[in-house]
């Protein structure tokens, strides 16, 4: 049965400046929140790491992954766009991405290059499968449960890839990173996003490609800003409390969702069977 997308209800938000502002805050919260659970509470950065027989990164991934599955199910079952549900699902995906990327980079022993390449392959395979199955990866055409599931799968992989890229860029050369530091890496990824914005407003480049490039780059920006907030001063951070930073970021997101107008995206007027 054909779906008239002129009448279909989108359950993803319109891509506005407010969307990007909340997305960057959500990715930063994902970094501080994921690190709070896996590193602080589950002890992956303490002297007792591994002594309990529990891998904090894997346990954190399981916790946030379960939460993400529940929220995606609720999102797919929802009959209309709900800003609170949508952004809760985004935050769950970015916290899950934080712990999953740390597990891939550190616990699997493949390092930042290996982890980043593996996750990039996952993003590309997800986009390829989505394109072959649905016919497009344009977020403005999501009107079926199948498209929604591909959307959230791709988002989760992109959040995880972004975390790995952020850590790779920020960490010291001796640890396999690029040696940019947290603030330096944040400036690089921020500049890359600014460049994409310039391309968007001054050219007719493919909008779908620009969206996914920007979506992926907001994650390493948030990851490096989050690390800058809570890592020790000796490592180039501000040494703020991870739980406190997470609460402040969550409060800022709640305020923005409440204040910034949130509306569903629009669909093309025609759709295939």
C-alpha atoms as a PDB file:
ATOM      1  CA  UNK A   1       0.000   0.000   0.000  1.00  0.00           C
ATOM      2  CA  UNK A   2       1.386   3.379  -0.969  1.00  0.00           C
ATOM      3  CA  UNK A   3       2.186   5.938   1.714  1.00  0.00           C
ATOM      4  CA  UNK A   4       1.341   9.561   0.964  1.00  0.00           C
ATOM      5  CA  UNK A   5       4.307  11.286   2.563  1.00  0.00           C
ATOM      6  CA  UNK A   6       2.541  14.624   2.248  1.00  0.00           C
ATOM      7  CA  UNK A   7       0.253  13.311   4.988  1.00  0.00           C
ATOM      8  CA  UNK A   8       2.662  10.973   6.797  1.00  0.00           C
ATOM      9  CA  UNK A   9       3.845  12.079  10.198  1.00  0.00           C
ATOM     10  CA  UNK A  10       7.595  12.381  10.542  1.00  0.00           C
ATOM     11  CA  UNK A  11       9.031  11.334  13.885  1.00  0.00           C
ATOM     12  CA  UNK A  12      12.416  12.984  13.396  1.00  0.00           C
ATOM     13  CA  UNK A  13      12.921  16.729  13.858  1.00  0.00           C
ATOM     14  CA  UNK A  14      13.451  19.327  11.192  1.00  0.00           C
ATOM     15  CA  UNK A  15      17.144  20.045  10.655  1.00  0.00           C
ATOM     16  CA  UNK A  16      17.512  23.553  12.068  1.00  0.00           C
ATOM     17  CA  UNK A  17      20.154  25.514  13.968  1.00  0.00           C
ATOM     18  CA  UNK A  18      18.427  24.450  17.180  1.00  0.00           C
ATOM     19  CA  UNK A  19      18.775  20.805  16.122  1.00  0.00           C
ATOM     20  CA  UNK A  20      22.554  21.146  15.759  1.00  0.00           C
ATOM     21  CA  UNK A  21      22.909  23.025  19.053  1.00  0.00           C
ATOM     22  CA  UNK A  22      21.090  20.293  20.982  1.00  0.00           C
ATOM     23  CA  UNK A  23      22.940  17.575  19.053  1.00  0.00           C
ATOM     24  CA  UNK A  24      26.357  18.963  20.069  1.00  0.00           C
ATOM     25  CA  UNK A  25      25.297  19.223  23.708  1.00  0.00           C
ATOM     26  CA  UNK A  26      23.897  15.679  23.545  1.00  0.00           C
ATOM     27  CA  UNK A  27      27.168  14.315  22.169  1.00  0.00           C
ATOM     28  CA  UNK A  28      29.106  16.102  24.909  1.00  0.00           C
ATOM     29  CA  UNK A  29      26.744  14.630  27.517  1.00  0.00           C
ATOM     30  CA  UNK A  30      27.246  11.237  25.912  1.00  0.00           C
ATOM     31  CA  UNK A  31      30.984  11.507  26.515  1.00  0.00           C
ATOM     32  CA  UNK A  32      30.807  12.671  30.137  1.00  0.00           C
ATOM     33  CA  UNK A  33      27.903  10.352  30.944  1.00  0.00           C
ATOM     34  CA  UNK A  34      29.496   7.308  29.323  1.00  0.00           C
ATOM     35  CA  UNK A  35      32.821   7.996  31.042  1.00  0.00           C
ATOM     36  CA  UNK A  36      31.048   8.480  34.381  1.00  0.00           C
ATOM     37  CA  UNK A  37      29.613   4.970  34.187  1.00  0.00           C
ATOM     38  CA  UNK A  38      32.452   3.007  32.566  1.00  0.00           C
ATOM     39  CA  UNK A  39      35.482   4.840  33.959  1.00  0.00           C
ATOM     40  CA  UNK A  40      34.395   6.283  37.306  1.00  0.00           C
ATOM     41  CA  UNK A  41      31.621   3.997  38.575  1.00  0.00           C
ATOM     42  CA  UNK A  42      32.794   0.751  36.942  1.00  0.00           C
ATOM     43  CA  UNK A  43      36.439   1.562  37.588  1.00  0.00           C
ATOM     44  CA  UNK A  44      38.104   1.377  34.172  1.00  0.00           C
ATOM     45  CA  UNK A  45      40.435   4.272  34.994  1.00  0.00           C
ATOM     46  CA  UNK A  46      41.073   3.322  38.609  1.00  0.00           C
ATOM     47  CA  UNK A  47      43.827   1.195  40.149  1.00  0.00           C
ATOM     48  CA  UNK A  48      41.269  -1.598  40.591  1.00  0.00           C
ATOM     49  CA  UNK A  49      40.455  -1.819  36.860  1.00  0.00           C
ATOM     50  CA  UNK A  50      39.786  -5.400  35.809  1.00  0.00           C
ATOM     51  CA  UNK A  51      40.127  -6.888  39.296  1.00  0.00           C
ATOM     52  CA  UNK A  52      36.414  -7.592  39.586  1.00  0.00           C
ATOM     53  CA  UNK A  53      36.443  -9.578  36.362  1.00  0.00           C
ATOM     54  CA  UNK A  54      34.023  -7.103  34.789  1.00  0.00           C
ATOM     55  CA  UNK A  55      35.053  -4.992  31.816  1.00  0.00           C
ATOM     56  CA  UNK A  56      33.633  -1.532  32.546  1.00  0.00           C
ATOM     57  CA  UNK A  57      33.441  -0.550  28.888  1.00  0.00           C
ATOM     58  CA  UNK A  58      31.568  -3.714  27.947  1.00  0.00           C
ATOM     59  CA  UNK A  59      29.257  -3.496  30.971  1.00  0.00           C
ATOM     60  CA  UNK A  60      28.515   0.164  30.199  1.00  0.00           C
ATOM     61  CA  UNK A  61      27.805  -0.709  26.567  1.00  0.00           C
ATOM     62  CA  UNK A  62      25.369  -3.422  27.673  1.00  0.00           C
ATOM     63  CA  UNK A  63      23.563  -1.008  30.010  1.00  0.00           C
ATOM     64  CA  UNK A  64      23.260   1.832  27.525  1.00  0.00           C
ATOM     65  CA  UNK A  65      22.609  -0.575  24.666  1.00  0.00           C
ATOM     66  CA  UNK A  66      19.609  -2.038  26.467  1.00  0.00           C
ATOM     67  CA  UNK A  67      18.295   1.453  27.192  1.00  0.00           C
ATOM     68  CA  UNK A  68      18.823   2.386  23.537  1.00  0.00           C
ATOM     69  CA  UNK A  69      16.892  -0.662  22.308  1.00  0.00           C
ATOM     70  CA  UNK A  70      13.948   0.214  24.559  1.00  0.00           C
ATOM     71  CA  UNK A  71      13.923   3.859  23.437  1.00  0.00           C
ATOM     72  CA  UNK A  72      14.220   2.967  19.740  1.00  0.00           C
ATOM     73  CA  UNK A  73      11.286   0.576  20.180  1.00  0.00           C
ATOM     74  CA  UNK A  74       9.257   3.371  21.777  1.00  0.00           C
ATOM     75  CA  UNK A  75      10.331   5.773  19.017  1.00  0.00           C
ATOM     76  CA  UNK A  76       9.236   3.364  16.285  1.00  0.00           C
ATOM     77  CA  UNK A  77       5.956   2.667  18.069  1.00  0.00           C
ATOM     78  CA  UNK A  78       5.210   6.373  18.570  1.00  0.00           C
ATOM     79  CA  UNK A  79       2.464   7.778  16.356  1.00  0.00           C
ATOM     80  CA  UNK A  80       3.952  11.266  16.045  1.00  0.00           C
ATOM     81  CA  UNK A  81       7.086  13.283  16.722  1.00  0.00           C
ATOM     82  CA  UNK A  82       7.941  13.635  20.407  1.00  0.00           C
ATOM     83  CA  UNK A  83      10.942  15.878  21.053  1.00  0.00           C
ATOM     84  CA  UNK A  84      11.643  14.437  24.514  1.00  0.00           C
ATOM     85  CA  UNK A  85      11.587  10.853  23.287  1.00  0.00           C
ATOM     86  CA  UNK A  86      13.693  11.661  20.218  1.00  0.00           C
ATOM     87  CA  UNK A  87      16.461  13.424  22.158  1.00  0.00           C
ATOM     88  CA  UNK A  88      16.437  10.794  24.912  1.00  0.00           C
ATOM     89  CA  UNK A  89      17.108   8.227  22.185  1.00  0.00           C
ATOM     90  CA  UNK A  90      19.903  10.366  20.729  1.00  0.00           C
ATOM     91  CA  UNK A  91      21.526  10.676  24.168  1.00  0.00           C
ATOM     92  CA  UNK A  92      21.250   6.911  24.703  1.00  0.00           C
ATOM     93  CA  UNK A  93      22.914   6.308  21.334  1.00  0.00           C
ATOM     94  CA  UNK A  94      25.759   8.685  22.072  1.00  0.00           C
ATOM     95  CA  UNK A  95      26.464   7.281  25.559  1.00  0.00           C
ATOM     96  CA  UNK A  96      26.351   3.766  24.138  1.00  0.00           C
ATOM     97  CA  UNK A  97      28.687   4.974  21.383  1.00  0.00           C
ATOM     98  CA  UNK A  98      31.132   6.303  23.978  1.00  0.00           C
ATOM     99  CA  UNK A  99      31.464   3.036  25.881  1.00  0.00           C
ATOM    100  CA  UNK A 100      31.405   0.903  22.711  1.00  0.00           C
ATOM    101  CA  UNK A 101      34.164   2.947  21.065  1.00  0.00           C
ATOM    102  CA  UNK A 102      36.300   2.744  24.205  1.00  0.00           C
ATOM    103  CA  UNK A 103      35.788  -1.017  24.279  1.00  0.00           C
ATOM    104  CA  UNK A 104      36.776  -1.341  20.606  1.00  0.00           C
ATOM    105  CA  UNK A 105      39.811   0.957  20.912  1.00  0.00           C
ATOM    106  CA  UNK A 106      41.172  -0.265  24.238  1.00  0.00           C
ATOM    107  CA  UNK A 107      39.798  -3.639  25.295  1.00  0.00           C
ATOM    108  CA  UNK A 108      39.926  -5.279  21.845  1.00  0.00           C
ATOM    109  CA  UNK A 109      43.517  -4.129  21.419  1.00  0.00           C
ATOM    110  CA  UNK A 110      43.048  -2.772  17.887  1.00  0.00           C
ATOM    111  CA  UNK A 111      43.888   0.815  18.831  1.00  0.00           C
ATOM    112  CA  UNK A 112      42.426   4.048  17.484  1.00  0.00           C
ATOM    113  CA  UNK A 113      43.167   3.406  13.782  1.00  0.00           C
ATOM    114  CA  UNK A 114      41.709  -0.097  13.903  1.00  0.00           C
ATOM    115  CA  UNK A 115      38.679   0.976  15.899  1.00  0.00           C
ATOM    116  CA  UNK A 116      37.987   3.981  13.655  1.00  0.00           C
ATOM    117  CA  UNK A 117      38.297   1.931  10.444  1.00  0.00           C
ATOM    118  CA  UNK A 118      36.065  -0.822  11.837  1.00  0.00           C
ATOM    119  CA  UNK A 119      33.397   1.683  12.860  1.00  0.00           C
ATOM    120  CA  UNK A 120      33.657   3.600   9.575  1.00  0.00           C
ATOM    121  CA  UNK A 121      33.010   0.308   7.785  1.00  0.00           C
ATOM    122  CA  UNK A 122      29.939  -0.237   9.988  1.00  0.00           C
ATOM    123  CA  UNK A 123      28.588   3.234   9.124  1.00  0.00           C
ATOM    124  CA  UNK A 124      29.144   2.728   5.396  1.00  0.00           C
ATOM    125  CA  UNK A 125      27.611  -0.758   5.427  1.00  0.00           C
ATOM    126  CA  UNK A 126      24.577   0.552   7.318  1.00  0.00           C
ATOM    127  CA  UNK A 127      24.103   3.391   4.833  1.00  0.00           C
ATOM    128  CA  UNK A 128      24.569   0.993   1.897  1.00  0.00           C
ATOM    129  CA  UNK A 129      22.003  -1.469   3.261  1.00  0.00           C
ATOM    130  CA  UNK A 130      19.598   1.390   4.014  1.00  0.00           C
ATOM    131  CA  UNK A 131      19.986   2.785   0.478  1.00  0.00           C
ATOM    132  CA  UNK A 132      19.505  -0.620  -1.148  1.00  0.00           C
ATOM    133  CA  UNK A 133      16.491  -1.494   0.995  1.00  0.00           C
ATOM    134  CA  UNK A 134      14.611   1.817   1.140  1.00  0.00           C
ATOM    135  CA  UNK A 135      15.973   3.640  -1.907  1.00  0.00           C
ATOM    136  CA  UNK A 136      17.385   6.678  -0.117  1.00  0.00           C
ATOM    137  CA  UNK A 137      19.235   7.676   3.054  1.00  0.00           C
ATOM    138  CA  UNK A 138      17.668  11.131   3.163  1.00  0.00           C
ATOM    139  CA  UNK A 139      16.352  11.742   6.693  1.00  0.00           C
ATOM    140  CA  UNK A 140      13.491  13.753   5.201  1.00  0.00           C
ATOM    141  CA  UNK A 141      12.011  10.563   3.715  1.00  0.00           C
ATOM    142  CA  UNK A 142      11.692   8.513   6.909  1.00  0.00           C
ATOM    143  CA  UNK A 143       8.066   7.413   6.986  1.00  0.00           C
ATOM    144  CA  UNK A 144       8.236   3.674   7.733  1.00  0.00           C
ATOM    145  CA  UNK A 145       9.410   1.537  10.636  1.00  0.00           C
ATOM    146  CA  UNK A 146      12.063  -0.047   8.399  1.00  0.00           C
ATOM    147  CA  UNK A 147      13.543   3.346   7.518  1.00  0.00           C
ATOM    148  CA  UNK A 148      13.475   4.348  11.199  1.00  0.00           C
ATOM    149  CA  UNK A 149      15.404   1.247  12.240  1.00  0.00           C
ATOM    150  CA  UNK A 150      18.090   1.936   9.621  1.00  0.00           C
ATOM    151  CA  UNK A 151      18.167   5.553  10.793  1.00  0.00           C
ATOM    152  CA  UNK A 152      18.853   4.625  14.415  1.00  0.00           C
ATOM    153  CA  UNK A 153      21.341   1.901  13.501  1.00  0.00           C
ATOM    154  CA  UNK A 154      23.311   4.341  11.356  1.00  0.00           C
ATOM    155  CA  UNK A 155      23.149   7.016  14.042  1.00  0.00           C
ATOM    156  CA  UNK A 156      24.506   4.631  16.687  1.00  0.00           C
ATOM    157  CA  UNK A 157      27.398   3.567  14.456  1.00  0.00           C
ATOM    158  CA  UNK A 158      28.142   7.203  13.583  1.00  0.00           C
ATOM    159  CA  UNK A 159      28.126   8.198  17.268  1.00  0.00           C
ATOM    160  CA  UNK A 160      30.560   5.383  18.029  1.00  0.00           C
ATOM    161  CA  UNK A 161      32.807   6.312  15.107  1.00  0.00           C
ATOM    162  CA  UNK A 162      32.814   9.932  16.231  1.00  0.00           C
ATOM    163  CA  UNK A 163      33.962   8.953  19.712  1.00  0.00           C
ATOM    164  CA  UNK A 164      36.842   6.921  18.298  1.00  0.00           C
ATOM    165  CA  UNK A 165      37.879   9.786  16.013  1.00  0.00           C
ATOM    166  CA  UNK A 166      37.780  12.290  18.865  1.00  0.00           C
ATOM    167  CA  UNK A 167      39.954  10.119  21.109  1.00  0.00           C
ATOM    168  CA  UNK A 168      42.345   9.405  18.245  1.00  0.00           C
ATOM    169  CA  UNK A 169      42.803  13.088  17.508  1.00  0.00           C
ATOM    170  CA  UNK A 170      43.142  14.220  21.128  1.00  0.00           C
ATOM    171  CA  UNK A 171      45.383  11.579  22.701  1.00  0.00           C
ATOM    172  CA  UNK A 172      49.168  11.824  22.832  1.00  0.00           C
ATOM    173  CA  UNK A 173      51.390  10.545  20.046  1.00  0.00           C
ATOM    174  CA  UNK A 174      52.876   8.017  22.449  1.00  0.00           C
ATOM    175  CA  UNK A 175      49.411   6.543  22.988  1.00  0.00           C
ATOM    176  CA  UNK A 176      48.718   6.240  19.266  1.00  0.00           C
ATOM    177  CA  UNK A 177      46.841   9.534  18.953  1.00  0.00           C
ATOM    178  CA  UNK A 178      47.433  12.612  16.823  1.00  0.00           C
ATOM    179  CA  UNK A 179      48.632  14.637  19.803  1.00  0.00           C
ATOM    180  CA  UNK A 180      46.247  17.568  19.312  1.00  0.00           C
ATOM    181  CA  UNK A 181      45.017  17.609  22.899  1.00  0.00           C
ATOM    182  CA  UNK A 182      41.363  17.986  23.858  1.00  0.00           C
ATOM    183  CA  UNK A 183      41.073  21.699  23.138  1.00  0.00           C
ATOM    184  CA  UNK A 184      43.118  21.424  19.931  1.00  0.00           C
ATOM    185  CA  UNK A 185      41.036  18.534  18.628  1.00  0.00           C
ATOM    186  CA  UNK A 186      37.826  20.393  19.509  1.00  0.00           C
ATOM    187  CA  UNK A 187      39.013  23.378  17.469  1.00  0.00           C
ATOM    188  CA  UNK A 188      39.850  21.137  14.495  1.00  0.00           C
ATOM    189  CA  UNK A 189      36.465  19.416  14.479  1.00  0.00           C
ATOM    190  CA  UNK A 190      34.689  22.725  15.098  1.00  0.00           C
ATOM    191  CA  UNK A 191      36.512  24.232  12.107  1.00  0.00           C
ATOM    192  CA  UNK A 192      35.544  21.218   9.983  1.00  0.00           C
ATOM    193  CA  UNK A 193      31.870  21.751  10.907  1.00  0.00           C
ATOM    194  CA  UNK A 194      32.172  25.449  10.077  1.00  0.00           C
ATOM    195  CA  UNK A 195      33.607  24.513   6.685  1.00  0.00           C
ATOM    196  CA  UNK A 196      30.679  22.185   6.032  1.00  0.00           C
ATOM    197  CA  UNK A 197      28.286  25.023   6.927  1.00  0.00           C
ATOM    198  CA  UNK A 198      30.020  27.292   4.428  1.00  0.00           C
ATOM    199  CA  UNK A 199      29.758  24.624   1.743  1.00  0.00           C
ATOM    200  CA  UNK A 200      26.080  24.156   2.568  1.00  0.00           C
ATOM    201  CA  UNK A 201      25.189  27.849   2.291  1.00  0.00           C
ATOM    202  CA  UNK A 202      27.401  28.724  -0.680  1.00  0.00           C
ATOM    203  CA  UNK A 203      27.133  25.683  -2.953  1.00  0.00           C
ATOM    204  CA  UNK A 204      24.566  23.190  -4.198  1.00  0.00           C
ATOM    205  CA  UNK A 205      26.491  20.187  -2.902  1.00  0.00           C
ATOM    206  CA  UNK A 206      24.575  17.026  -2.041  1.00  0.00           C
ATOM    207  CA  UNK A 207      22.519  17.860   1.054  1.00  0.00           C
ATOM    208  CA  UNK A 208      22.242  14.254   2.209  1.00  0.00           C
ATOM    209  CA  UNK A 209      26.028  13.804   2.117  1.00  0.00           C
ATOM    210  CA  UNK A 210      26.567  17.090   3.959  1.00  0.00           C
ATOM    211  CA  UNK A 211      24.053  16.099   6.639  1.00  0.00           C
ATOM    212  CA  UNK A 212      25.731  12.794   7.419  1.00  0.00           C
ATOM    213  CA  UNK A 213      29.199  14.351   7.343  1.00  0.00           C
ATOM    214  CA  UNK A 214      28.069  17.012   9.825  1.00  0.00           C
ATOM    215  CA  UNK A 215      26.212  14.467  11.945  1.00  0.00           C
ATOM    216  CA  UNK A 216      29.345  12.341  12.291  1.00  0.00           C
ATOM    217  CA  UNK A 217      31.624  15.332  12.987  1.00  0.00           C
ATOM    218  CA  UNK A 218      29.457  16.685  15.804  1.00  0.00           C
ATOM    219  CA  UNK A 219      30.307  13.524  17.747  1.00  0.00           C
ATOM    220  CA  UNK A 220      34.113  13.942  17.918  1.00  0.00           C
ATOM    221  CA  UNK A 221      33.525  17.617  18.697  1.00  0.00           C
ATOM    222  CA  UNK A 222      31.316  16.648  21.634  1.00  0.00           C
ATOM    223  CA  UNK A 223      33.729  13.890  22.670  1.00  0.00           C
ATOM    224  CA  UNK A 224      36.733  16.210  22.833  1.00  0.00           C
ATOM    225  CA  UNK A 225      34.785  18.971  24.595  1.00  0.00           C
ATOM    226  CA  UNK A 226      33.492  16.419  27.118  1.00  0.00           C
ATOM    227  CA  UNK A 227      37.012  15.102  27.723  1.00  0.00           C
ATOM    228  CA  UNK A 228      38.303  18.672  28.042  1.00  0.00           C
ATOM    229  CA  UNK A 229      35.779  19.268  30.808  1.00  0.00           C
ATOM    230  CA  UNK A 230      36.484  16.185  32.926  1.00  0.00           C
ATOM    231  CA  UNK A 231      40.038  15.020  32.220  1.00  0.00           C
ATOM    232  CA  UNK A 232      42.860  15.927  34.672  1.00  0.00           C
ATOM    233  CA  UNK A 233      44.621  19.276  34.291  1.00  0.00           C
ATOM    234  CA  UNK A 234      47.913  17.440  33.695  1.00  0.00           C
ATOM    235  CA  UNK A 235      46.309  15.791  30.657  1.00  0.00           C
ATOM    236  CA  UNK A 236      44.995  19.062  29.265  1.00  0.00           C
ATOM    237  CA  UNK A 237      41.530  19.027  30.812  1.00  0.00           C
ATOM    238  CA  UNK A 238      39.706  21.097  33.425  1.00  0.00           C
ATOM    239  CA  UNK A 239      39.317  18.197  35.888  1.00  0.00           C
ATOM    240  CA  UNK A 240      35.632  18.887  36.521  1.00  0.00           C
ATOM    241  CA  UNK A 241      33.509  16.219  38.146  1.00  0.00           C
ATOM    242  CA  UNK A 242      32.079  13.892  35.480  1.00  0.00           C
ATOM    243  CA  UNK A 243      28.703  13.478  37.219  1.00  0.00           C
ATOM    244  CA  UNK A 244      28.403  17.239  37.813  1.00  0.00           C
ATOM    245  CA  UNK A 245      29.356  18.058  34.216  1.00  0.00           C
ATOM    246  CA  UNK A 246      26.791  15.504  33.021  1.00  0.00           C
ATOM    247  CA  UNK A 247      24.033  17.024  35.158  1.00  0.00           C
ATOM    248  CA  UNK A 248      24.828  20.544  33.912  1.00  0.00           C
ATOM    249  CA  UNK A 249      24.824  19.395  30.274  1.00  0.00           C
ATOM    250  CA  UNK A 250      21.559  17.497  30.783  1.00  0.00           C
ATOM    251  CA  UNK A 251      19.965  20.606  32.307  1.00  0.00           C
ATOM    252  CA  UNK A 252      21.114  22.714  29.345  1.00  0.00           C
ATOM    253  CA  UNK A 253      19.587  20.192  26.928  1.00  0.00           C
ATOM    254  CA  UNK A 254      16.279  20.172  28.832  1.00  0.00           C
ATOM    255  CA  UNK A 255      16.147  23.968  28.716  1.00  0.00           C
ATOM    256  CA  UNK A 256      16.894  24.067  24.977  1.00  0.00           C
ATOM    257  CA  UNK A 257      14.273  21.429  24.186  1.00  0.00           C
ATOM    258  CA  UNK A 258      11.721  23.389  26.216  1.00  0.00           C
ATOM    259  CA  UNK A 259      12.651  26.791  24.765  1.00  0.00           C
ATOM    260  CA  UNK A 260      13.749  26.134  21.180  1.00  0.00           C
ATOM    261  CA  UNK A 261      10.791  25.354  18.862  1.00  0.00           C
ATOM    262  CA  UNK A 262      10.740  21.647  18.022  1.00  0.00           C
ATOM    263  CA  UNK A 263       8.845  20.466  14.956  1.00  0.00           C
ATOM    264  CA  UNK A 264       8.811  17.334  12.879  1.00  0.00           C
ATOM    265  CA  UNK A 265      10.634  17.264   9.567  1.00  0.00           C
ATOM    266  CA  UNK A 266       8.713  17.328   6.312  1.00  0.00           C
ATOM    267  CA  UNK A 267       8.333  14.595   3.700  1.00  0.00           C
ATOM    268  CA  UNK A 268       8.319  14.719  -0.108  1.00  0.00           C
ATOM    269  CA  UNK A 269       4.851  14.608  -1.587  1.00  0.00           C
ATOM    270  CA  UNK A 270       5.309  11.325  -3.402  1.00  0.00           C
ATOM    271  CA  UNK A 271       6.418   7.940  -2.227  1.00  0.00           C
ATOM    272  CA  UNK A 272       6.949   4.535  -3.846  1.00  0.00           C
ATOM    273  CA  UNK A 273       4.778   1.550  -2.940  1.00  0.00           C
END
